[in-house]
Amino acid sequence: MKNKFIIVSLDDWEGLYYKNELLSEGHEIRRDKLVRLMKQHKVWDVEFEYLNQEGENIVQAYASMFNTYSEAKAYIEQ
């Protein structure tokens, strides 16, 4: 995985992944928090992805994003 952040979104929830790990999640990843984390981790690339319906159902059932991007990746819209 390249040195980048991946923000995975669904209806009203987002998860921020870095090097496969969930760094932050919430209703939105605020710009100031994103910029601070980018500086902290020296990341200059951000990719945005969206969960499919099955992934959304899982996240809503557990009330939390997937712990790793590898887990979320199976449910990314194509």
PDB file of N, CA and C in Angstrom:
ATOM      1  N   MET A   1       0.849  -1.180   0.000  1.00  0.00           N
ATOM      2  CA  MET A   1       0.000   0.000   0.000  1.00  0.00           C
ATOM      3  C   MET A   1       0.894   1.242   0.000  1.00  0.00           C
ATOM      4  N   LYS A   2       0.627   2.126  -0.964  1.00  0.00           N
ATOM      5  CA  LYS A   2       1.406   3.355  -1.056  1.00  0.00           C
ATOM      6  C   LYS A   2       1.225   4.209   0.191  1.00  0.00           C
ATOM      7  N   ASN A   3       2.109   5.180   0.326  1.00  0.00           N
ATOM      8  CA  ASN A   3       2.036   6.112   1.446  1.00  0.00           C
ATOM      9  C   ASN A   3       0.925   7.124   1.173  1.00  0.00           C
ATOM     10  N   LYS A   4      -0.317   6.701   1.443  1.00  0.00           N
ATOM     11  CA  LYS A   4      -1.465   7.564   1.218  1.00  0.00           C
ATOM     12  C   LYS A   4      -2.546   7.232   2.236  1.00  0.00           C
ATOM     13  N   PHE A   5      -3.455   8.152   2.392  1.00  0.00           N
ATOM     14  CA  PHE A   5      -4.649   7.918   3.201  1.00  0.00           C
ATOM     15  C   PHE A   5      -5.755   7.438   2.275  1.00  0.00           C
ATOM     16  N   ILE A   6      -6.610   6.576   2.791  1.00  0.00           N
ATOM     17  CA  ILE A   6      -7.804   6.156   2.076  1.00  0.00           C
ATOM     18  C   ILE A   6      -8.993   6.463   2.971  1.00  0.00           C
ATOM     19  N   ILE A   7      -9.909   7.264   2.449  1.00  0.00           N
ATOM     20  CA  ILE A   7     -11.134   7.566   3.178  1.00  0.00           C
ATOM     21  C   ILE A   7     -12.252   6.743   2.555  1.00  0.00           C
ATOM     22  N   VAL A   8     -12.831   5.870   3.380  1.00  0.00           N
ATOM     23  CA  VAL A   8     -13.926   5.010   2.937  1.00  0.00           C
ATOM     24  C   VAL A   8     -15.210   5.587   3.524  1.00  0.00           C
ATOM     25  N   SER A   9     -16.193   5.814   2.644  1.00  0.00           N
ATOM     26  CA  SER A   9     -17.438   6.468   3.063  1.00  0.00           C
ATOM     27  C   SER A   9     -18.646   5.579   2.822  1.00  0.00           C
ATOM     28  N   LEU A  10     -19.671   5.843   3.602  1.00  0.00           N
ATOM     29  CA  LEU A  10     -21.005   5.343   3.369  1.00  0.00           C
ATOM     30  C   LEU A  10     -21.941   6.472   3.709  1.00  0.00           C
ATOM     31  N   ASP A  11     -23.224   6.218   3.795  1.00  0.00           N
ATOM     32  CA  ASP A  11     -24.223   7.272   3.995  1.00  0.00           C
ATOM     33  C   ASP A  11     -23.702   8.487   4.756  1.00  0.00           C
ATOM     34  N   ASP A  12     -23.575   8.370   6.052  1.00  0.00           N
ATOM     35  CA  ASP A  12     -23.170   9.506   6.889  1.00  0.00           C
ATOM     36  C   ASP A  12     -22.005   9.132   7.805  1.00  0.00           C
ATOM     37  N   TRP A  13     -21.125   8.262   7.317  1.00  0.00           N
ATOM     38  CA  TRP A  13     -20.006   7.803   8.134  1.00  0.00           C
ATOM     39  C   TRP A  13     -18.773   7.660   7.265  1.00  0.00           C
ATOM     40  N   GLU A  14     -17.609   7.987   7.817  1.00  0.00           N
ATOM     41  CA  GLU A  14     -16.348   7.848   7.095  1.00  0.00           C
ATOM     42  C   GLU A  14     -15.291   7.203   7.986  1.00  0.00           C
ATOM     43  N   GLY A  15     -14.411   6.478   7.353  1.00  0.00           N
ATOM     44  CA  GLY A  15     -13.262   5.912   8.042  1.00  0.00           C
ATOM     45  C   GLY A  15     -12.001   6.302   7.305  1.00  0.00           C
ATOM     46  N   LEU A  16     -10.969   6.671   8.046  1.00  0.00           N
ATOM     47  CA  LEU A  16      -9.690   7.076   7.467  1.00  0.00           C
ATOM     48  C   LEU A  16      -8.670   5.973   7.739  1.00  0.00           C
ATOM     49  N   TYR A  17      -8.131   5.398   6.675  1.00  0.00           N
ATOM     50  CA  TYR A  17      -7.163   4.306   6.788  1.00  0.00           C
ATOM     51  C   TYR A  17      -5.779   4.765   6.348  1.00  0.00           C
ATOM     52  N   TYR A  18      -4.785   4.247   7.057  1.00  0.00           N
ATOM     53  CA  TYR A  18      -3.386   4.515   6.721  1.00  0.00           C
ATOM     54  C   TYR A  18      -2.601   3.247   6.991  1.00  0.00           C
ATOM     55  N   LYS A  19      -1.892   2.789   5.971  1.00  0.00           N
ATOM     56  CA  LYS A  19      -1.114   1.550   6.073  1.00  0.00           C
ATOM     57  C   LYS A  19      -1.981   0.426   6.639  1.00  0.00           C
ATOM     58  N   ASN A  20      -3.170   0.313   6.080  1.00  0.00           N
ATOM     59  CA  ASN A  20      -4.141  -0.740   6.383  1.00  0.00           C
ATOM     60  C   ASN A  20      -4.885  -0.564   7.702  1.00  0.00           C
ATOM     61  N   GLU A  21      -4.505   0.369   8.540  1.00  0.00           N
ATOM     62  CA  GLU A  21      -5.133   0.535   9.855  1.00  0.00           C
ATOM     63  C   GLU A  21      -6.119   1.699   9.867  1.00  0.00           C
ATOM     64  N   LEU A  22      -7.203   1.530  10.600  1.00  0.00           N
ATOM     65  CA  LEU A  22      -8.189   2.590  10.773  1.00  0.00           C
ATOM     66  C   LEU A  22      -7.623   3.623  11.747  1.00  0.00           C
ATOM     67  N   LEU A  23      -7.410   4.848  11.265  1.00  0.00           N
ATOM     68  CA  LEU A  23      -6.875   5.917  12.114  1.00  0.00           C
ATOM     69  C   LEU A  23      -7.975   6.717  12.787  1.00  0.00           C
ATOM     70  N   SER A  24      -9.075   6.916  12.063  1.00  0.00           N
ATOM     71  CA  SER A  24     -10.131   7.777  12.571  1.00  0.00           C
ATOM     72  C   SER A  24     -11.435   7.412  11.877  1.00  0.00           C
ATOM     73  N   GLU A  25     -12.545   7.634  12.570  1.00  0.00           N
ATOM     74  CA  GLU A  25     -13.851   7.452  11.954  1.00  0.00           C
ATOM     75  C   GLU A  25     -14.842   8.402  12.598  1.00  0.00           C
ATOM     76  N   GLY A  26     -15.885   8.723  11.863  1.00  0.00           N
ATOM     77  CA  GLY A  26     -16.904   9.611  12.383  1.00  0.00           C
ATOM     78  C   GLY A  26     -17.841  10.039  11.279  1.00  0.00           C
ATOM     79  N   HIS A  27     -18.734  10.957  11.613  1.00  0.00           N
ATOM     80  CA  HIS A  27     -19.690  11.438  10.616  1.00  0.00           C
ATOM     81  C   HIS A  27     -18.990  12.140   9.465  1.00  0.00           C
ATOM     82  N   GLU A  28     -17.871  12.736   9.749  1.00  0.00           N
ATOM     83  CA  GLU A  28     -17.031  13.305   8.700  1.00  0.00           C
ATOM     84  C   GLU A  28     -15.612  13.456   9.243  1.00  0.00           C
ATOM     85  N   ILE A  29     -14.645  13.296   8.358  1.00  0.00           N
ATOM     86  CA  ILE A  29     -13.260  13.558   8.721  1.00  0.00           C
ATOM     87  C   ILE A  29     -13.051  15.039   8.406  1.00  0.00           C
ATOM     88  N   ARG A  30     -12.983  15.834   9.438  1.00  0.00           N
ATOM     89  CA  ARG A  30     -12.883  17.284   9.253  1.00  0.00           C
ATOM     90  C   ARG A  30     -11.562  17.655   8.578  1.00  0.00           C
ATOM     91  N   ARG A  31     -11.619  18.686   7.777  1.00  0.00           N
ATOM     92  CA  ARG A  31     -10.458  19.126   7.012  1.00  0.00           C
ATOM     93  C   ARG A  31      -9.261  19.423   7.908  1.00  0.00           C
ATOM     94  N   ASP A  32      -9.475  20.114   9.044  1.00  0.00           N
ATOM     95  CA  ASP A  32      -8.345  20.449   9.912  1.00  0.00           C
ATOM     96  C   ASP A  32      -7.700  19.193  10.492  1.00  0.00           C
ATOM     97  N   LYS A  33      -8.515  18.203  10.834  1.00  0.00           N
ATOM     98  CA  LYS A  33      -7.974  16.942  11.347  1.00  0.00           C
ATOM     99  C   LYS A  33      -7.212  16.199  10.251  1.00  0.00           C
ATOM    100  N   LEU A  34      -7.767  16.189   9.033  1.00  0.00           N
ATOM    101  CA  LEU A  34      -7.107  15.527   7.918  1.00  0.00           C
ATOM    102  C   LEU A  34      -5.756  16.162   7.627  1.00  0.00           C
ATOM    103  N   VAL A  35      -5.705  17.472   7.579  1.00  0.00           N
ATOM    104  CA  VAL A  35      -4.445  18.172   7.299  1.00  0.00           C
ATOM    105  C   VAL A  35      -3.426  17.895   8.407  1.00  0.00           C
ATOM    106  N   ARG A  36      -3.865  17.924   9.668  1.00  0.00           N
ATOM    107  CA  ARG A  36      -2.959  17.640  10.788  1.00  0.00           C
ATOM    108  C   ARG A  36      -2.387  16.226  10.670  1.00  0.00           C
ATOM    109  N   LEU A  37      -3.242  15.246  10.359  1.00  0.00           N
ATOM    110  CA  LEU A  37      -2.782  13.864  10.216  1.00  0.00           C
ATOM    111  C   LEU A  37      -1.863  13.703   9.007  1.00  0.00           C
ATOM    112  N   MET A  38      -2.155  14.428   7.927  1.00  0.00           N
ATOM    113  CA  MET A  38      -1.284  14.365   6.749  1.00  0.00           C
ATOM    114  C   MET A  38       0.113  14.875   7.086  1.00  0.00           C
ATOM    115  N   LYS A  39       0.180  15.978   7.811  1.00  0.00           N
ATOM    116  CA  LYS A  39       1.488  16.512   8.220  1.00  0.00           C
ATOM    117  C   LYS A  39       2.194  15.551   9.161  1.00  0.00           C
ATOM    118  N   GLN A  40       1.463  15.013  10.107  1.00  0.00           N
ATOM    119  CA  GLN A  40       2.036  14.105  11.106  1.00  0.00           C
ATOM    120  C   GLN A  40       2.636  12.860  10.457  1.00  0.00           C
ATOM    121  N   HIS A  41       1.937  12.304   9.478  1.00  0.00           N
ATOM    122  CA  HIS A  41       2.387  11.056   8.839  1.00  0.00           C
ATOM    123  C   HIS A  41       3.124  11.293   7.523  1.00  0.00           C
ATOM    124  N   LYS A  42       3.293  12.565   7.156  1.00  0.00           N
ATOM    125  CA  LYS A  42       3.975  12.933   5.909  1.00  0.00           C
ATOM    126  C   LYS A  42       3.317  12.245   4.703  1.00  0.00           C
ATOM    127  N   VAL A  43       2.005  12.386   4.628  1.00  0.00           N
ATOM    128  CA  VAL A  43       1.202  11.822   3.548  1.00  0.00           C
ATOM    129  C   VAL A  43       0.669  12.976   2.707  1.00  0.00           C
ATOM    130  N   TRP A  44       0.802  12.854   1.384  1.00  0.00           N
ATOM    131  CA  TRP A  44       0.350  13.936   0.513  1.00  0.00           C
ATOM    132  C   TRP A  44      -0.687  13.457  -0.500  1.00  0.00           C
ATOM    133  N   ASP A  45      -1.178  12.233  -0.337  1.00  0.00           N
ATOM    134  CA  ASP A  45      -2.143  11.663  -1.273  1.00  0.00           C
ATOM    135  C   ASP A  45      -3.324  11.091  -0.495  1.00  0.00           C
ATOM    136  N   VAL A  46      -4.536  11.411  -0.938  1.00  0.00           N
ATOM    137  CA  VAL A  46      -5.749  10.909  -0.304  1.00  0.00           C
ATOM    138  C   VAL A  46      -6.641  10.329  -1.390  1.00  0.00           C
ATOM    139  N   GLU A  47      -7.099   9.104  -1.166  1.00  0.00           N
ATOM    140  CA  GLU A  47      -8.004   8.430  -2.096  1.00  0.00           C
ATOM    141  C   GLU A  47      -9.359   8.275  -1.413  1.00  0.00           C
ATOM    142  N   PHE A  48     -10.430   8.476  -2.156  1.00  0.00           N
ATOM    143  CA  PHE A  48     -11.783   8.359  -1.618  1.00  0.00           C
ATOM    144  C   PHE A  48     -12.469   7.155  -2.245  1.00  0.00           C
ATOM    145  N   GLU A  49     -13.050   6.304  -1.397  1.00  0.00           N
ATOM    146  CA  GLU A  49     -13.761   5.123  -1.859  1.00  0.00           C
ATOM    147  C   GLU A  49     -15.078   5.020  -1.107  1.00  0.00           C
ATOM    148  N   TYR A  50     -15.990   4.222  -1.647  1.00  0.00           N
ATOM    149  CA  TYR A  50     -17.327   4.099  -1.070  1.00  0.00           C
ATOM    150  C   TYR A  50     -17.692   2.631  -0.899  1.00  0.00           C
ATOM    151  N   LEU A  51     -18.350   2.333   0.219  1.00  0.00           N
ATOM    152  CA  LEU A  51     -18.795   0.967   0.477  1.00  0.00           C
ATOM    153  C   LEU A  51     -20.038   0.645  -0.340  1.00  0.00           C
ATOM    154  N   ASN A  52     -20.148  -0.628  -0.742  1.00  0.00           N
ATOM    155  CA  ASN A  52     -21.372  -1.075  -1.391  1.00  0.00           C
ATOM    156  C   ASN A  52     -22.431  -1.339  -0.313  1.00  0.00           C
ATOM    157  N   GLN A  53     -23.610  -1.743  -0.726  1.00  0.00           N
ATOM    158  CA  GLN A  53     -24.716  -1.916   0.215  1.00  0.00           C
ATOM    159  C   GLN A  53     -24.409  -2.975   1.273  1.00  0.00           C
ATOM    160  N   GLU A  54     -23.779  -4.063   0.887  1.00  0.00           N
ATOM    161  CA  GLU A  54     -23.441  -5.109   1.859  1.00  0.00           C
ATOM    162  C   GLU A  54     -22.464  -4.584   2.915  1.00  0.00           C
ATOM    163  N   GLY A  55     -21.474  -3.830   2.475  1.00  0.00           N
ATOM    164  CA  GLY A  55     -20.522  -3.232   3.410  1.00  0.00           C
ATOM    165  C   GLY A  55     -21.198  -2.245   4.347  1.00  0.00           C
ATOM    166  N   GLU A  56     -22.112  -1.445   3.800  1.00  0.00           N
ATOM    167  CA  GLU A  56     -22.857  -0.493   4.635  1.00  0.00           C
ATOM    168  C   GLU A  56     -23.660  -1.230   5.702  1.00  0.00           C
ATOM    169  N   ASN A  57     -24.296  -2.316   5.309  1.00  0.00           N
ATOM    170  CA  ASN A  57     -25.092  -3.099   6.267  1.00  0.00           C
ATOM    171  C   ASN A  57     -24.227  -3.626   7.410  1.00  0.00           C
ATOM    172  N   ILE A  58     -23.039  -4.087   7.096  1.00  0.00           N
ATOM    173  CA  ILE A  58     -22.124  -4.622   8.120  1.00  0.00           C
ATOM    174  C   ILE A  58     -21.695  -3.510   9.067  1.00  0.00           C
ATOM    175  N   VAL A  59     -21.282  -2.374   8.514  1.00  0.00           N
ATOM    176  CA  VAL A  59     -20.838  -1.249   9.346  1.00  0.00           C
ATOM    177  C   VAL A  59     -21.976  -0.772  10.241  1.00  0.00           C
ATOM    178  N   GLN A  60     -23.169  -0.661   9.694  1.00  0.00           N
ATOM    179  CA  GLN A  60     -24.309  -0.216  10.489  1.00  0.00           C
ATOM    180  C   GLN A  60     -24.652  -1.227  11.583  1.00  0.00           C
ATOM    181  N   ALA A  61     -24.533  -2.508  11.300  1.00  0.00           N
ATOM    182  CA  ALA A  61     -24.835  -3.534  12.302  1.00  0.00           C
ATOM    183  C   ALA A  61     -23.853  -3.489  13.468  1.00  0.00           C
ATOM    184  N   TYR A  62     -22.576  -3.194  13.179  1.00  0.00           N
ATOM    185  CA  TYR A  62     -21.548  -3.149  14.225  1.00  0.00           C
ATOM    186  C   TYR A  62     -21.327  -1.744  14.771  1.00  0.00           C
ATOM    187  N   ALA A  63     -21.964  -0.747  14.153  1.00  0.00           N
ATOM    188  CA  ALA A  63     -21.828   0.657  14.550  1.00  0.00           C
ATOM    189  C   ALA A  63     -20.368   1.103  14.583  1.00  0.00           C
ATOM    190  N   SER A  64     -19.588   0.571  13.642  1.00  0.00           N
ATOM    191  CA  SER A  64     -18.171   0.909  13.561  1.00  0.00           C
ATOM    192  C   SER A  64     -17.641   0.495  12.194  1.00  0.00           C
ATOM    193  N   MET A  65     -16.653   1.229  11.712  1.00  0.00           N
ATOM    194  CA  MET A  65     -16.004   0.867  10.454  1.00  0.00           C
ATOM    195  C   MET A  65     -15.183  -0.403  10.651  1.00  0.00           C
ATOM    196  N   PHE A  66     -14.781  -0.991   9.544  1.00  0.00           N
ATOM    197  CA  PHE A  66     -13.895  -2.147   9.579  1.00  0.00           C
ATOM    198  C   PHE A  66     -12.567  -1.739  10.213  1.00  0.00           C
ATOM    199  N   ASN A  67     -11.947  -2.627  10.968  1.00  0.00           N
ATOM    200  CA  ASN A  67     -10.695  -2.311  11.663  1.00  0.00           C
ATOM    201  C   ASN A  67      -9.524  -2.098  10.716  1.00  0.00           C
ATOM    202  N   THR A  68      -9.562  -2.770   9.571  1.00  0.00           N
ATOM    203  CA  THR A  68      -8.476  -2.634   8.601  1.00  0.00           C
ATOM    204  C   THR A  68      -9.049  -2.362   7.221  1.00  0.00           C
ATOM    205  N   TYR A  69      -8.241  -1.743   6.373  1.00  0.00           N
ATOM    206  CA  TYR A  69      -8.670  -1.501   5.001  1.00  0.00           C
ATOM    207  C   TYR A  69      -8.832  -2.819   4.261  1.00  0.00           C
ATOM    208  N   SER A  70      -8.025  -3.809   4.589  1.00  0.00           N
ATOM    209  CA  SER A  70      -8.143  -5.123   3.951  1.00  0.00           C
ATOM    210  C   SER A  70      -9.534  -5.710   4.135  1.00  0.00           C
ATOM    211  N   GLU A  71     -10.111  -5.511   5.314  1.00  0.00           N
ATOM    212  CA  GLU A  71     -11.472  -5.989   5.567  1.00  0.00           C
ATOM    213  C   GLU A  71     -12.485  -5.177   4.755  1.00  0.00           C
ATOM    214  N   ALA A  72     -12.318  -3.870   4.695  1.00  0.00           N
ATOM    215  CA  ALA A  72     -13.237  -2.994   3.977  1.00  0.00           C
ATOM    216  C   ALA A  72     -13.156  -3.201   2.468  1.00  0.00           C
ATOM    217  N   LYS A  73     -11.968  -3.528   1.971  1.00  0.00           N
ATOM    218  CA  LYS A  73     -11.716  -3.608   0.533  1.00  0.00           C
ATOM    219  C   LYS A  73     -12.680  -4.560  -0.187  1.00  0.00           C
ATOM    220  N   ALA A  74     -13.090  -5.607   0.482  1.00  0.00           N
ATOM    221  CA  ALA A  74     -14.005  -6.571  -0.135  1.00  0.00           C
ATOM    222  C   ALA A  74     -15.374  -5.952  -0.418  1.00  0.00           C
ATOM    223  N   TYR A  75     -15.683  -4.815   0.199  1.00  0.00           N
ATOM    224  CA  TYR A  75     -17.001  -4.191   0.080  1.00  0.00           C
ATOM    225  C   TYR A  75     -16.952  -2.828  -0.612  1.00  0.00           C
ATOM    226  N   ILE A  76     -15.860  -2.518  -1.276  1.00  0.00           N
ATOM    227  CA  ILE A  76     -15.723  -1.238  -1.982  1.00  0.00           C
ATOM    228  C   ILE A  76     -16.484  -1.310  -3.303  1.00  0.00           C
ATOM    229  N   GLU A  77     -17.265  -0.260  -3.610  1.00  0.00           N
ATOM    230  CA  GLU A  77     -17.974  -0.191  -4.883  1.00  0.00           C
ATOM    231  C   GLU A  77     -16.971  -0.212  -6.025  1.00  0.00           C
ATOM    232  N   GLN A  78     -17.332  -0.914  -7.067  1.00  0.00           N
ATOM    233  CA  GLN A  78     -16.459  -1.007  -8.249  1.00  0.00           C
ATOM    234  C   GLN A  78     -16.901  -0.054  -9.317  1.00  0.00           C
TER     235      GLN A  78
END
